[in-house]
Amino acid sequence: MGLEEEFEEYAEKAKTLPDSTTNESKLCLYGLFKQATVGPVNTARPGFFDMTGKAKWDAWKAVEAKSKEEAMTDYITKVKQLLEEAATAAASTS
C-alpha cells in the first residue's frame, strides 16, 4: 500500500475517533490533513471573532514547513496513537 492510500485509510479511521478526543489533538490532525491535501496555508487568518477558524488556521500554519509526505506520515502516526489511546481507555473501563 502506498503512502497516499494509507493516508486515505487513516483519514477515514480518524472519523471514528471518540468524542473524548481533545481539541488539541483534533487541531493537530486538521493542520496535518490540510498540509497533506492542500499544501501551505493559502488563506488569510480569520478575524478576531472567529475563534474556531483562527484555531484551525493556526494549527495549519504551524505545520506549513512540512512536505506533503511528512504531513501524511505524521497524520497517520497521530491517528494510530489516538486510536490506541482510545482502545486502551475503553479496555480499562470495561
N, C-alpha and C. Protein backbone atom coordinates (compact mmCIF):
# COMPACT_ATOMS: atom_id res chain seq x y z
N MET A 1 0.85 -1.18 0.00
CA MET A 1 0.00 0.00 0.00
C MET A 1 0.89 1.24 0.00
N GLY A 2 0.58 2.18 -0.87
CA GLY A 2 1.35 3.40 -0.95
C GLY A 2 0.97 4.38 0.16
N LEU A 3 1.78 5.40 0.30
CA LEU A 3 1.55 6.40 1.35
C LEU A 3 0.19 7.08 1.20
N GLU A 4 -0.17 7.45 -0.03
CA GLU A 4 -1.44 8.15 -0.23
C GLU A 4 -2.63 7.27 0.12
N GLU A 5 -2.56 5.98 -0.22
CA GLU A 5 -3.64 5.06 0.11
C GLU A 5 -3.75 4.88 1.62
N GLU A 6 -2.58 4.74 2.28
CA GLU A 6 -2.58 4.60 3.74
C GLU A 6 -3.13 5.87 4.40
N PHE A 7 -2.75 7.03 3.86
CA PHE A 7 -3.25 8.30 4.38
C PHE A 7 -4.77 8.36 4.27
N GLU A 8 -5.29 7.97 3.11
CA GLU A 8 -6.75 7.99 2.91
C GLU A 8 -7.44 7.02 3.87
N GLU A 9 -6.82 5.86 4.10
CA GLU A 9 -7.38 4.89 5.04
C GLU A 9 -7.45 5.48 6.44
N TYR A 10 -6.38 6.14 6.86
CA TYR A 10 -6.36 6.71 8.22
C TYR A 10 -7.21 7.96 8.32
N ALA A 11 -7.43 8.66 7.21
CA ALA A 11 -8.35 9.80 7.22
C ALA A 11 -9.77 9.29 7.51
N GLU A 12 -10.11 8.12 6.97
CA GLU A 12 -11.41 7.51 7.26
C GLU A 12 -11.46 7.03 8.72
N LYS A 13 -10.38 6.41 9.18
CA LYS A 13 -10.34 5.93 10.56
C LYS A 13 -10.44 7.08 11.56
N ALA A 14 -9.90 8.25 11.19
CA ALA A 14 -9.95 9.41 12.08
C ALA A 14 -11.39 9.81 12.39
N LYS A 15 -12.29 9.52 11.45
CA LYS A 15 -13.70 9.86 11.65
C LYS A 15 -14.34 9.01 12.75
N THR A 16 -13.67 7.92 13.14
CA THR A 16 -14.21 7.03 14.17
C THR A 16 -13.63 7.32 15.55
N LEU A 17 -12.79 8.35 15.65
CA LEU A 17 -12.22 8.68 16.95
C LEU A 17 -13.33 9.08 17.92
N PRO A 18 -13.17 8.74 19.19
CA PRO A 18 -14.24 9.05 20.15
C PRO A 18 -14.39 10.56 20.39
N ASP A 19 -15.56 10.91 20.89
CA ASP A 19 -15.84 12.32 21.21
C ASP A 19 -14.88 12.86 22.27
N SER A 20 -14.28 11.96 23.04
CA SER A 20 -13.37 12.38 24.10
C SER A 20 -12.00 12.83 23.57
N THR A 21 -11.78 12.71 22.26
CA THR A 21 -10.53 13.18 21.67
C THR A 21 -10.40 14.68 21.94
N THR A 22 -9.24 15.10 22.43
CA THR A 22 -9.07 16.50 22.81
C THR A 22 -9.10 17.43 21.59
N ASN A 23 -9.49 18.66 21.83
CA ASN A 23 -9.47 19.67 20.76
C ASN A 23 -8.06 19.86 20.24
N GLU A 24 -7.08 19.79 21.13
CA GLU A 24 -5.68 19.93 20.72
C GLU A 24 -5.31 18.85 19.70
N SER A 25 -5.72 17.62 19.95
CA SER A 25 -5.43 16.52 19.03
C SER A 25 -6.18 16.71 17.72
N LYS A 26 -7.43 17.14 17.81
CA LYS A 26 -8.22 17.37 16.60
C LYS A 26 -7.60 18.48 15.75
N LEU A 27 -7.12 19.53 16.39
CA LEU A 27 -6.49 20.62 15.66
C LEU A 27 -5.18 20.17 15.01
N CYS A 28 -4.43 19.34 15.71
CA CYS A 28 -3.19 18.78 15.16
C CYS A 28 -3.51 17.99 13.89
N LEU A 29 -4.52 17.13 13.97
CA LEU A 29 -4.92 16.34 12.80
C LEU A 29 -5.40 17.25 11.67
N TYR A 30 -6.16 18.27 12.01
CA TYR A 30 -6.66 19.21 11.00
C TYR A 30 -5.50 19.86 10.24
N GLY A 31 -4.53 20.37 10.99
CA GLY A 31 -3.39 21.03 10.36
C GLY A 31 -2.61 20.10 9.46
N LEU A 32 -2.37 18.89 9.93
CA LEU A 32 -1.63 17.90 9.13
C LEU A 32 -2.42 17.50 7.90
N PHE A 33 -3.74 17.33 8.05
CA PHE A 33 -4.59 16.96 6.92
C PHE A 33 -4.56 18.05 5.85
N LYS A 34 -4.73 19.28 6.27
CA LYS A 34 -4.72 20.40 5.31
C LYS A 34 -3.37 20.52 4.62
N GLN A 35 -2.28 20.36 5.37
CA GLN A 35 -0.95 20.45 4.79
C GLN A 35 -0.75 19.33 3.77
N ALA A 36 -1.25 18.14 4.08
CA ALA A 36 -1.08 16.99 3.19
C ALA A 36 -1.94 17.10 1.94
N THR A 37 -3.11 17.72 2.06
CA THR A 37 -4.03 17.75 0.93
C THR A 37 -4.03 19.06 0.15
N VAL A 38 -3.72 20.16 0.81
CA VAL A 38 -3.75 21.48 0.16
C VAL A 38 -2.35 22.06 -0.02
N GLY A 39 -1.51 21.83 0.98
CA GLY A 39 -0.17 22.43 0.98
C GLY A 39 -0.14 23.58 1.97
N PRO A 40 0.83 24.47 1.83
CA PRO A 40 0.95 25.60 2.76
C PRO A 40 -0.32 26.46 2.80
N VAL A 41 -0.52 27.12 3.92
CA VAL A 41 -1.69 27.99 4.11
C VAL A 41 -1.83 28.94 2.93
N ASN A 42 -3.04 29.01 2.39
CA ASN A 42 -3.28 29.85 1.22
C ASN A 42 -4.44 30.81 1.43
N THR A 43 -4.77 31.05 2.70
CA THR A 43 -5.85 31.97 3.03
C THR A 43 -5.38 32.93 4.12
N ALA A 44 -6.10 34.03 4.24
CA ALA A 44 -5.80 34.98 5.32
C ALA A 44 -6.31 34.41 6.64
N ARG A 45 -5.66 34.81 7.73
CA ARG A 45 -6.08 34.36 9.07
C ARG A 45 -7.45 34.95 9.36
N PRO A 46 -8.37 34.10 9.84
CA PRO A 46 -9.72 34.60 10.17
C PRO A 46 -9.70 35.71 11.21
N GLY A 47 -10.78 36.46 11.24
CA GLY A 47 -10.88 37.60 12.14
C GLY A 47 -11.00 37.23 13.60
N PHE A 48 -10.95 38.24 14.43
CA PHE A 48 -10.93 38.11 15.89
C PHE A 48 -12.10 37.30 16.43
N PHE A 49 -13.27 37.45 15.86
CA PHE A 49 -14.45 36.82 16.42
C PHE A 49 -14.66 35.38 15.94
N ASP A 50 -13.85 34.92 15.00
CA ASP A 50 -13.94 33.54 14.51
C ASP A 50 -12.89 32.70 15.23
N MET A 51 -13.18 32.36 16.48
CA MET A 51 -12.21 31.63 17.31
C MET A 51 -11.88 30.26 16.73
N THR A 52 -12.88 29.53 16.26
CA THR A 52 -12.65 28.20 15.70
C THR A 52 -11.83 28.30 14.43
N GLY A 53 -12.19 29.22 13.57
CA GLY A 53 -11.44 29.41 12.33
C GLY A 53 -9.99 29.80 12.58
N LYS A 54 -9.77 30.65 13.57
CA LYS A 54 -8.40 31.05 13.91
C LYS A 54 -7.61 29.87 14.43
N ALA A 55 -8.21 29.06 15.28
CA ALA A 55 -7.52 27.90 15.86
C ALA A 55 -7.14 26.92 14.75
N LYS A 56 -8.05 26.69 13.81
CA LYS A 56 -7.76 25.79 12.69
C LYS A 56 -6.64 26.37 11.82
N TRP A 57 -6.74 27.65 11.51
CA TRP A 57 -5.73 28.30 10.67
C TRP A 57 -4.36 28.23 11.35
N ASP A 58 -4.31 28.48 12.65
CA ASP A 58 -3.05 28.43 13.40
C ASP A 58 -2.46 27.02 13.39
N ALA A 59 -3.32 26.01 13.52
CA ALA A 59 -2.85 24.62 13.51
C ALA A 59 -2.25 24.27 12.15
N TRP A 60 -2.85 24.76 11.09
CA TRP A 60 -2.35 24.53 9.73
C TRP A 60 -1.04 25.29 9.52
N LYS A 61 -1.02 26.54 9.95
CA LYS A 61 0.16 27.38 9.79
C LYS A 61 1.36 26.77 10.53
N ALA A 62 1.11 26.13 11.66
CA ALA A 62 2.18 25.56 12.48
C ALA A 62 2.92 24.43 11.78
N VAL A 63 2.30 23.80 10.80
CA VAL A 63 2.94 22.66 10.12
C VAL A 63 3.26 22.96 8.64
N GLU A 64 3.17 24.22 8.23
CA GLU A 64 3.32 24.53 6.81
C GLU A 64 4.73 24.28 6.26
N ALA A 65 5.72 24.10 7.13
CA ALA A 65 7.08 23.81 6.65
C ALA A 65 7.23 22.33 6.25
N LYS A 66 6.28 21.50 6.64
CA LYS A 66 6.36 20.07 6.33
C LYS A 66 6.00 19.83 4.86
N SER A 67 6.66 18.83 4.28
CA SER A 67 6.29 18.42 2.92
C SER A 67 4.98 17.66 2.97
N LYS A 68 4.37 17.44 1.82
CA LYS A 68 3.14 16.68 1.74
C LYS A 68 3.34 15.29 2.36
N GLU A 69 4.47 14.66 2.03
CA GLU A 69 4.75 13.31 2.52
C GLU A 69 4.95 13.30 4.04
N GLU A 70 5.68 14.29 4.56
CA GLU A 70 5.88 14.39 6.02
C GLU A 70 4.54 14.57 6.73
N ALA A 71 3.70 15.42 6.17
CA ALA A 71 2.40 15.68 6.79
C ALA A 71 1.55 14.41 6.78
N MET A 72 1.58 13.67 5.68
CA MET A 72 0.82 12.42 5.61
C MET A 72 1.32 11.41 6.64
N THR A 73 2.64 11.26 6.72
CA THR A 73 3.23 10.32 7.66
C THR A 73 2.90 10.71 9.10
N ASP A 74 3.03 11.99 9.42
CA ASP A 74 2.72 12.46 10.78
C ASP A 74 1.24 12.28 11.10
N TYR A 75 0.38 12.50 10.11
CA TYR A 75 -1.06 12.34 10.29
C TYR A 75 -1.38 10.88 10.62
N ILE A 76 -0.82 9.96 9.84
CA ILE A 76 -1.05 8.53 10.07
C ILE A 76 -0.58 8.13 11.47
N THR A 77 0.60 8.59 11.85
CA THR A 77 1.15 8.28 13.17
C THR A 77 0.24 8.80 14.27
N LYS A 78 -0.25 10.03 14.12
CA LYS A 78 -1.11 10.64 15.15
C LYS A 78 -2.44 9.90 15.25
N VAL A 79 -3.04 9.51 14.12
CA VAL A 79 -4.31 8.78 14.17
C VAL A 79 -4.09 7.43 14.84
N LYS A 80 -3.01 6.73 14.50
CA LYS A 80 -2.70 5.45 15.15
C LYS A 80 -2.60 5.63 16.66
N GLN A 81 -1.87 6.66 17.08
CA GLN A 81 -1.69 6.94 18.51
C GLN A 81 -3.03 7.18 19.20
N LEU A 82 -3.87 7.99 18.58
CA LEU A 82 -5.17 8.32 19.18
C LEU A 82 -6.08 7.10 19.23
N LEU A 83 -6.04 6.25 18.21
CA LEU A 83 -6.84 5.03 18.20
C LEU A 83 -6.38 4.07 19.30
N GLU A 84 -5.06 3.96 19.47
CA GLU A 84 -4.52 3.11 20.54
C GLU A 84 -4.93 3.63 21.91
N GLU A 85 -4.84 4.95 22.11
CA GLU A 85 -5.25 5.55 23.38
C GLU A 85 -6.72 5.30 23.65
N ALA A 86 -7.55 5.40 22.62
CA ALA A 86 -8.99 5.17 22.77
C ALA A 86 -9.27 3.72 23.12
N ALA A 87 -8.55 2.80 22.48
CA ALA A 87 -8.72 1.36 22.77
C ALA A 87 -8.30 1.05 24.20
N THR A 88 -7.20 1.64 24.63
CA THR A 88 -6.73 1.43 26.00
C THR A 88 -7.73 1.98 27.01
N ALA A 89 -8.26 3.15 26.73
CA ALA A 89 -9.25 3.76 27.63
C ALA A 89 -10.50 2.92 27.69
N ALA A 90 -10.94 2.40 26.55
CA ALA A 90 -12.15 1.57 26.50
C ALA A 90 -11.93 0.26 27.26
N ALA A 91 -10.73 -0.32 27.13
CA ALA A 91 -10.42 -1.58 27.80
C ALA A 91 -10.35 -1.41 29.32
N SER A 92 -9.88 -0.25 29.75
CA SER A 92 -9.72 -0.04 31.20
C SER A 92 -11.06 0.27 31.88
N THR A 93 -12.06 0.67 31.10
CA THR A 93 -13.36 0.97 31.68
C THR A 93 -14.31 -0.22 31.62
N SER A 94 -13.89 -1.31 30.93
CA SER A 94 -14.79 -2.46 30.85
C SER A 94 -14.47 -3.51 31.88
